[in-house]
Amino acid sequence: MKVYALWGEVQEKLRQCADRMEGPADFLEAMHMLYEEGKGRNAQCLPEMGMEQWDCEDMEEFHRIMDRMPVDLSCFVRKEEGIRDLETADLIEIMKATMNTLPLKIATHQKIHMHRHKNYELLYAMRGSGGLHMKTGIAHIPEGTMCLVGPDFLHDVWAESDSELISIAFWKENMEQVLRKLLYDENIMSDFFYNSLNSTRQGYVLLEMPLDREICWTIQHIFQEGYSGKSYAREICISYIELLFAYAVRACARLESGTEKRQDGVPMATVMKYIQDNFRTATLNDVAAVFHYDPDYLGKRIKTWMGQGYADLVGKLKLEQAKNMLRTTSLTVERVAELAGYGSASYFSRAFRAQSGVTPTEYRKGQDGKGQN
């Protein structure tokens, strides 16, 4: 049995709290207030949103549909002690468990609650605007702008009144292979993901991506699948997120690009593409020779840009390639070692265990019946 409220009811509770002397609440507090007041609805499962009713151009209809979005209150159906001590970090865990990192609309009239999470967050201002709070200030997110927030970045998000600012969470392990297909091109988006996939140095990036029918259609299907409760809905959502990124990359290509050469002249996106294509055999000296740079200098630039040295970077690429082959093929360990670029099967086994905590054979056995890790 599920207990749920409607998103519009939680939003209204936030407005009421903001009008009181004590100031605004956060989304979790408003959820709990509705639960305590007995405002929750009971159902065997959460209702579908009916997103197929949206014609992708009527933002007022989108607003009305979002107000009917179910918000799961089932997390409060447990012992009451300690509930008032729940914090934003708990909200993230609750939303992850009960909503399975579904797409959301950012509520207005919320108090700022700085937090971190392990997932990427995609913010898009469909109408109106919002902002990203950080330790260093506020980044404005105007209408028609996508904001990508990296993992472990301290932030919070706010939305202006009557805005339609959406948030879509996605996980590194689910998207890394998908993103790699898009990151070969040199653009601001590839810069962001190359940095954030390999370090926590780059926290966010803003991309101008005016709303059009294709983007509306994609967002519509992300919401529709996300709340459908159907088999493979998560996998289908990931495919639509991939499509949304492809539109973002197309938008990047229309902008003036200054990413090919850094101020010091090193074309780092091109260097990274070459390393990804040749990591099995290419040494740092080989890469430096191709791009006509001193190896020591190029090694320092790679470490500055990627947050790790060449050897560590290549080691990670080899490990990812080996894991993928162990998961998806029946090749022998010796053959996997050879194809992934390790010098010998014995060295491969030692390196694999040092980085993963298990041997290649143990890793493969652990994947039986699990699918992709």
Protein backbone atom coordinates (compact mmCIF):
# COMPACT_ATOMS: atom_id res chain seq x y z
CA MET A 1 0.00 0.00 0.00
CA LYS A 2 1.32 3.43 -0.97
CA VAL A 3 0.64 6.74 0.73
CA TYR A 4 1.12 9.76 -1.48
CA ALA A 5 0.34 13.45 -1.91
CA LEU A 6 0.29 15.52 -5.07
CA TRP A 7 3.20 17.75 -6.01
CA GLY A 8 0.90 20.79 -6.12
CA GLU A 9 -0.18 20.10 -2.52
CA VAL A 10 3.42 20.01 -1.36
CA GLN A 11 4.09 23.23 -3.26
CA GLU A 12 1.10 24.89 -1.62
CA LYS A 13 2.35 23.81 1.82
CA LEU A 14 5.71 25.41 1.00
CA ARG A 15 3.93 28.64 0.05
CA GLN A 16 2.02 28.60 3.33
CA CYS A 17 5.22 28.06 5.32
CA ALA A 18 6.97 30.88 3.45
CA ASP A 19 4.11 33.25 4.36
CA ARG A 20 4.50 32.51 8.06
CA MET A 21 6.91 34.31 10.34
CA GLU A 22 9.17 31.25 10.71
CA GLY A 23 10.07 31.33 7.03
CA PRO A 24 10.17 28.64 4.32
CA ALA A 25 10.46 24.89 4.81
CA ASP A 26 12.20 22.36 2.61
CA PHE A 27 10.42 19.82 0.46
CA LEU A 28 10.84 16.98 2.95
CA GLU A 29 9.40 19.05 5.80
CA ALA A 30 6.38 19.95 3.68
CA MET A 31 5.88 16.27 2.81
CA HIS A 32 5.98 15.36 6.49
CA MET A 33 3.50 18.10 7.40
CA LEU A 34 1.02 16.73 4.90
CA TYR A 35 1.50 13.23 6.26
CA GLU A 36 0.94 14.37 9.87
CA GLU A 37 -2.18 16.27 8.81
CA GLY A 38 -3.61 13.10 7.29
CA LYS A 39 -3.56 14.56 3.78
CA GLY A 40 -2.00 11.48 2.23
CA ARG A 41 -3.90 9.35 -0.27
CA ASN A 42 -3.85 5.55 -0.09
CA ALA A 43 -3.39 3.38 -3.18
CA GLN A 44 -1.90 0.06 -4.18
CA CYS A 45 0.61 1.91 -6.40
CA LEU A 46 1.39 5.47 -7.38
CA PRO A 47 -0.89 6.79 -10.14
CA GLU A 48 0.44 7.55 -13.58
CA MET A 49 0.94 11.21 -14.46
CA GLY A 50 -0.86 11.29 -17.81
CA MET A 51 2.04 13.11 -19.45
CA GLU A 52 0.82 11.93 -22.85
CA GLN A 53 -1.84 14.66 -22.56
CA TRP A 54 0.82 17.35 -22.98
CA ASP A 55 1.11 18.65 -26.53
CA CYS A 56 4.74 19.79 -25.96
CA GLU A 57 3.93 23.47 -26.49
CA ASP A 58 1.34 24.33 -23.86
CA MET A 59 3.37 25.18 -20.76
CA GLU A 60 0.22 25.85 -18.76
CA GLU A 61 -0.84 22.25 -19.33
CA PHE A 62 2.64 21.08 -18.30
CA HIS A 63 2.22 23.09 -15.09
CA ARG A 64 -1.17 21.46 -14.39
CA ILE A 65 0.22 17.98 -15.04
CA MET A 66 3.16 18.61 -12.72
CA ASP A 67 0.76 19.67 -9.98
CA ARG A 68 -0.81 16.20 -10.25
CA MET A 69 2.56 14.41 -9.99
CA PRO A 70 2.46 11.86 -7.12
CA VAL A 71 4.88 12.41 -4.23
CA ASP A 72 5.44 9.25 -2.22
CA LEU A 73 4.88 9.69 1.52
CA SER A 74 5.39 6.01 2.31
CA CYS A 75 8.78 6.78 3.87
CA PHE A 76 6.90 8.21 6.86
CA VAL A 77 4.90 5.03 7.45
CA ARG A 78 7.24 3.81 10.15
CA LYS A 79 8.06 4.63 13.75
CA GLU A 80 7.67 8.33 14.32
CA GLU A 81 10.68 9.07 16.50
CA GLY A 82 13.45 10.95 14.78
CA ILE A 83 11.44 11.94 11.71
CA ARG A 84 11.71 15.64 12.53
CA ASP A 85 15.49 15.28 12.45
CA LEU A 86 15.55 14.22 8.80
CA GLU A 87 17.81 16.46 6.74
CA THR A 88 18.33 17.14 3.06
CA ALA A 89 20.74 14.22 2.77
CA ASP A 90 17.93 11.96 4.00
CA LEU A 91 15.59 13.47 1.43
CA ILE A 92 17.98 12.54 -1.34
CA GLU A 93 18.16 8.96 -0.08
CA ILE A 94 14.38 8.80 0.33
CA MET A 95 13.77 10.18 -3.15
CA LYS A 96 16.33 7.76 -4.57
CA ALA A 97 14.66 4.80 -2.86
CA THR A 98 11.01 5.71 -3.35
CA MET A 99 11.13 7.59 -6.64
CA ASN A 100 14.10 5.76 -8.17
CA THR A 101 15.79 9.04 -9.15
CA LEU A 102 12.82 10.06 -11.26
CA PRO A 103 12.59 13.42 -13.02
CA LEU A 104 11.24 16.15 -10.77
CA LYS A 105 10.08 19.73 -10.91
CA ILE A 106 11.92 22.13 -8.58
CA ALA A 107 9.51 23.65 -6.08
CA THR A 108 9.46 27.35 -5.26
CA HIS A 109 9.45 28.99 -1.81
CA GLN A 110 11.93 26.50 -0.40
CA LYS A 111 14.66 27.35 2.06
CA ILE A 112 18.24 26.87 0.89
CA HIS A 113 19.74 23.60 2.06
CA MET A 114 23.24 23.03 0.69
CA HIS A 115 23.95 19.36 -0.03
CA ARG A 116 25.99 16.90 -2.08
CA HIS A 117 24.99 13.71 -3.88
CA LYS A 118 26.75 10.98 -5.84
CA ASN A 119 24.68 11.33 -8.99
CA TYR A 120 24.79 13.86 -11.80
CA GLU A 121 21.92 16.32 -11.89
CA LEU A 122 20.51 17.85 -15.05
CA LEU A 123 18.58 21.08 -14.53
CA TYR A 124 16.64 22.70 -17.34
CA ALA A 125 14.67 25.95 -17.23
CA MET A 126 11.70 25.28 -19.51
CA ARG A 127 9.96 28.50 -18.44
CA GLY A 128 11.09 31.24 -16.11
CA SER A 129 14.43 30.86 -14.40
CA GLY A 130 16.23 29.65 -11.32
CA GLY A 131 19.66 29.47 -9.85
CA LEU A 132 22.39 27.26 -8.47
CA HIS A 133 23.59 28.18 -4.98
CA MET A 134 27.26 27.45 -4.29
CA LYS A 135 29.80 28.37 -1.66
CA THR A 136 31.17 30.97 -4.06
CA GLY A 137 27.86 32.56 -5.00
CA ILE A 138 24.88 31.97 -7.28
CA ALA A 139 24.86 30.86 -10.93
CA HIS A 140 21.74 32.13 -12.70
CA ILE A 141 19.87 29.58 -14.88
CA PRO A 142 17.81 31.59 -17.38
CA GLU A 143 14.98 30.22 -19.49
CA GLY A 144 16.17 27.85 -22.21
CA THR A 145 19.35 26.92 -20.34
CA MET A 146 20.57 23.52 -19.20
CA CYS A 147 22.73 23.28 -16.09
CA LEU A 148 24.70 20.09 -15.45
CA VAL A 149 25.85 19.55 -11.84
CA GLY A 150 28.60 17.07 -11.12
CA PRO A 151 28.79 14.52 -8.29
CA ASP A 152 29.94 15.57 -4.80
CA PHE A 153 29.48 19.28 -5.58
CA LEU A 154 28.10 21.31 -2.67
CA HIS A 155 25.03 23.19 -3.95
CA ASP A 156 21.32 23.79 -3.80
CA VAL A 157 18.79 24.78 -6.46
CA TRP A 158 16.09 27.44 -6.34
CA ALA A 159 13.30 28.27 -8.76
CA GLU A 160 11.55 31.58 -9.32
CA SER A 161 7.78 31.79 -8.88
CA ASP A 162 5.76 30.45 -11.82
CA SER A 163 8.85 28.85 -13.33
CA GLU A 164 9.12 25.37 -14.79
CA LEU A 165 12.59 24.26 -13.70
CA ILE A 166 13.03 20.50 -13.92
CA SER A 167 15.66 18.21 -12.42
CA ILE A 168 16.70 14.82 -13.81
CA ALA A 169 19.15 12.66 -11.86
CA PHE A 170 21.34 10.08 -13.56
CA TRP A 171 24.16 7.90 -12.35
CA LYS A 172 27.73 7.71 -13.57
CA GLU A 173 27.74 3.94 -13.88
CA ASN A 174 24.57 3.99 -15.99
CA MET A 175 25.66 6.74 -18.33
CA GLU A 176 29.44 6.49 -18.70
CA GLN A 177 29.36 4.27 -21.80
CA VAL A 178 26.60 6.39 -23.35
CA LEU A 179 28.45 9.62 -22.68
CA ARG A 180 31.66 8.33 -24.20
CA LYS A 181 29.98 8.22 -27.61
CA LEU A 182 29.15 11.92 -27.32
CA LEU A 183 32.41 13.11 -25.78
CA TYR A 184 34.67 12.57 -28.78
CA ASP A 185 33.68 15.98 -30.12
CA GLU A 186 35.39 19.02 -28.67
CA ASN A 187 32.87 21.24 -26.90
CA ILE A 188 32.01 22.67 -23.51
CA MET A 189 30.00 19.56 -22.65
CA SER A 190 32.90 17.20 -23.29
CA ASP A 191 35.11 19.44 -21.15
CA PHE A 192 32.65 19.17 -18.26
CA PHE A 193 32.29 15.40 -18.37
CA TYR A 194 35.97 14.69 -18.94
CA ASN A 195 36.72 16.68 -15.80
CA SER A 196 33.88 15.46 -13.61
CA LEU A 197 34.12 11.79 -14.60
CA ASN A 198 37.72 11.77 -13.46
CA SER A 199 37.74 14.21 -10.55
CA THR A 200 35.48 16.47 -8.51
CA ARG A 201 37.21 19.59 -9.76
CA GLN A 202 34.50 20.85 -12.10
CA GLY A 203 31.16 21.26 -10.37
CA TYR A 204 28.74 22.57 -12.98
CA VAL A 205 28.37 23.88 -16.51
CA LEU A 206 25.69 26.01 -18.18
CA LEU A 207 24.55 25.28 -21.74
CA GLU A 208 22.31 27.47 -23.84
CA MET A 209 19.65 25.15 -25.28
CA PRO A 210 16.44 26.98 -26.28
CA LEU A 211 13.28 24.95 -25.83
CA ASP A 212 11.90 23.49 -29.06
CA ARG A 213 9.48 20.72 -29.93
CA GLU A 214 12.17 17.99 -30.03
CA ILE A 215 13.44 18.87 -26.55
CA CYS A 216 9.86 19.09 -25.22
CA TRP A 217 9.05 15.70 -26.73
CA THR A 218 12.13 14.15 -25.11
CA ILE A 219 11.37 15.62 -21.68
CA GLN A 220 7.77 14.47 -22.02
CA HIS A 221 8.88 10.87 -22.54
CA ILE A 222 11.42 10.98 -19.69
CA PHE A 223 8.61 11.96 -17.30
CA GLN A 224 6.10 9.60 -18.87
CA GLU A 225 8.36 6.55 -18.69
CA GLY A 226 9.80 7.52 -15.33
CA TYR A 227 6.42 7.43 -13.62
CA SER A 228 4.88 4.59 -15.63
CA GLY A 229 5.99 1.78 -13.33
CA LYS A 230 6.47 -0.41 -16.39
CA SER A 231 9.22 -2.93 -16.98
CA TYR A 232 12.48 -1.44 -18.27
CA ALA A 233 11.25 2.11 -17.64
CA ARG A 234 14.61 3.07 -16.13
CA GLU A 235 16.52 1.78 -19.16
CA ILE A 236 14.17 3.63 -21.51
CA CYS A 237 14.62 6.83 -19.48
CA ILE A 238 18.38 6.50 -19.87
CA SER A 239 17.92 6.27 -23.63
CA TYR A 240 15.85 9.46 -23.64
CA ILE A 241 18.47 11.19 -21.48
CA GLU A 242 21.04 10.16 -24.07
CA LEU A 243 18.87 11.78 -26.73
CA LEU A 244 18.59 14.94 -24.64
CA PHE A 245 22.38 15.08 -24.39
CA ALA A 246 22.66 14.66 -28.14
CA TYR A 247 20.46 17.74 -28.57
CA ALA A 248 22.68 19.57 -26.08
CA VAL A 249 25.79 18.62 -28.05
CA ARG A 250 24.09 19.87 -31.22
CA ALA A 251 23.34 23.16 -29.45
CA CYS A 252 27.00 23.38 -28.38
CA ALA A 253 28.07 22.98 -31.99
CA ARG A 254 26.05 26.06 -32.90
CA LEU A 255 27.91 28.19 -30.39
CA GLU A 256 31.30 29.70 -30.94
CA SER A 257 33.79 27.12 -29.72
CA GLY A 258 36.93 28.10 -27.93
CA THR A 259 37.62 24.66 -26.54
CA GLU A 260 39.89 23.19 -29.18
CA LYS A 261 42.97 25.01 -27.97
CA ARG A 262 43.62 26.06 -24.42
CA GLN A 263 45.39 29.29 -23.62
CA ASP A 264 48.63 27.32 -23.58
CA GLY A 265 47.92 25.82 -27.03
CA VAL A 266 47.32 22.20 -25.93
CA PRO A 267 44.20 20.71 -27.67
CA MET A 268 43.19 18.65 -24.66
CA ALA A 269 39.93 17.23 -26.02
CA THR A 270 41.81 15.98 -29.09
CA VAL A 271 44.54 14.55 -26.87
CA MET A 272 41.94 12.71 -24.79
CA LYS A 273 40.26 11.28 -27.87
CA TYR A 274 43.63 9.98 -29.07
CA ILE A 275 44.39 8.42 -25.67
CA GLN A 276 40.98 6.72 -25.55
CA ASP A 277 41.56 5.27 -29.02
CA ASN A 278 45.13 4.14 -28.35
CA PHE A 279 45.51 3.55 -24.61
CA ARG A 280 46.30 -0.15 -25.06
CA THR A 281 49.67 0.57 -26.68
CA ALA A 282 50.44 4.30 -26.55
CA THR A 283 52.95 5.59 -24.01
CA LEU A 284 53.08 9.19 -22.86
CA ASN A 285 56.07 9.67 -25.16
CA ASP A 286 54.02 8.36 -28.08
CA VAL A 287 51.18 10.78 -27.39
CA ALA A 288 53.58 13.69 -26.95
CA ALA A 289 55.24 12.87 -30.27
CA VAL A 290 51.90 12.84 -32.10
CA PHE A 291 51.02 16.31 -30.80
CA HIS A 292 54.60 17.68 -30.89
CA TYR A 293 54.92 18.43 -27.18
CA ASP A 294 57.52 17.68 -24.55
CA PRO A 295 56.39 14.53 -22.64
CA ASP A 296 56.93 16.07 -19.20
CA TYR A 297 54.99 19.18 -20.14
CA LEU A 298 52.12 17.20 -21.67
CA GLY A 299 52.03 14.90 -18.64
CA LYS A 300 51.58 17.93 -16.37
CA ARG A 301 48.81 19.31 -18.56
CA ILE A 302 46.98 15.96 -18.53
CA LYS A 303 47.20 15.80 -14.75
CA THR A 304 45.95 19.39 -14.39
CA TRP A 305 43.03 18.85 -16.75
CA MET A 306 42.05 15.31 -15.76
CA GLY A 307 42.97 15.34 -12.08
CA GLN A 308 45.24 12.30 -12.50
CA GLY A 309 48.49 11.39 -14.20
CA TYR A 310 48.87 9.60 -17.52
CA ALA A 311 49.67 6.22 -15.98
CA ASP A 312 46.62 6.35 -13.68
CA LEU A 313 44.40 7.49 -16.55
CA VAL A 314 45.53 4.68 -18.84
CA GLY A 315 45.24 2.19 -15.98
CA LYS A 316 41.61 3.20 -15.47
CA LEU A 317 40.82 2.92 -19.18
CA LYS A 318 42.40 -0.54 -19.33
CA LEU A 319 40.49 -1.64 -16.25
CA GLU A 320 37.17 -0.41 -17.67
CA GLN A 321 37.84 -2.21 -20.95
CA ALA A 322 38.75 -5.42 -19.12
CA LYS A 323 35.66 -5.27 -16.90
CA ASN A 324 33.44 -4.75 -19.90
CA MET A 325 34.89 -7.82 -21.65
CA LEU A 326 34.63 -9.93 -18.50
CA ARG A 327 30.96 -8.94 -18.17
CA THR A 328 29.91 -9.32 -21.77
CA THR A 329 32.13 -12.01 -23.35
CA SER A 330 33.35 -15.52 -22.61
CA LEU A 331 36.93 -14.71 -23.60
CA THR A 332 39.65 -16.27 -21.47
CA VAL A 333 41.37 -14.11 -18.89
CA GLU A 334 44.54 -14.34 -20.96
CA ARG A 335 42.75 -13.00 -24.05
CA VAL A 336 41.06 -10.23 -22.06
CA ALA A 337 44.47 -9.20 -20.71
CA GLU A 338 45.87 -9.06 -24.23
CA LEU A 339 42.98 -7.08 -25.74
CA ALA A 340 42.89 -4.60 -22.85
CA GLY A 341 46.56 -3.82 -23.31
CA TYR A 342 48.12 -5.57 -20.33
CA GLY A 343 51.58 -7.03 -20.85
CA SER A 344 50.74 -10.47 -19.46
CA ALA A 345 47.92 -12.37 -17.81
CA SER A 346 49.79 -12.52 -14.51
CA TYR A 347 50.37 -8.76 -14.45
CA PHE A 348 46.73 -8.21 -15.44
CA SER A 349 45.52 -10.36 -12.54
CA ARG A 350 47.74 -8.49 -10.04
CA ALA A 351 46.72 -5.07 -11.35
CA PHE A 352 43.04 -6.00 -11.50
CA ARG A 353 43.01 -7.26 -7.92
CA ALA A 354 44.90 -4.20 -6.68
CA GLN A 355 42.32 -1.87 -8.24
CA SER A 356 39.13 -3.91 -7.78
CA GLY A 357 39.79 -6.03 -4.68
CA VAL A 358 39.00 -9.27 -6.54
CA THR A 359 40.65 -11.35 -9.26
CA PRO A 360 39.32 -11.20 -12.85
CA THR A 361 37.80 -14.67 -12.43
CA GLU A 362 36.08 -13.68 -9.17
CA TYR A 363 34.79 -10.50 -10.78
CA ARG A 364 33.31 -12.43 -13.71
CA LYS A 365 31.60 -14.93 -11.39
CA GLY A 366 30.18 -12.06 -9.37
CA GLN A 367 28.51 -10.66 -12.50
CA ASP A 368 26.50 -13.79 -13.23
CA GLY A 369 22.84 -12.85 -13.30
CA LYS A 370 23.53 -9.20 -12.47
CA GLY A 371 23.92 -7.67 -15.88
CA GLN A 372 26.06 -4.59 -16.17
CA ASN A 373 27.92 -3.58 -13.08
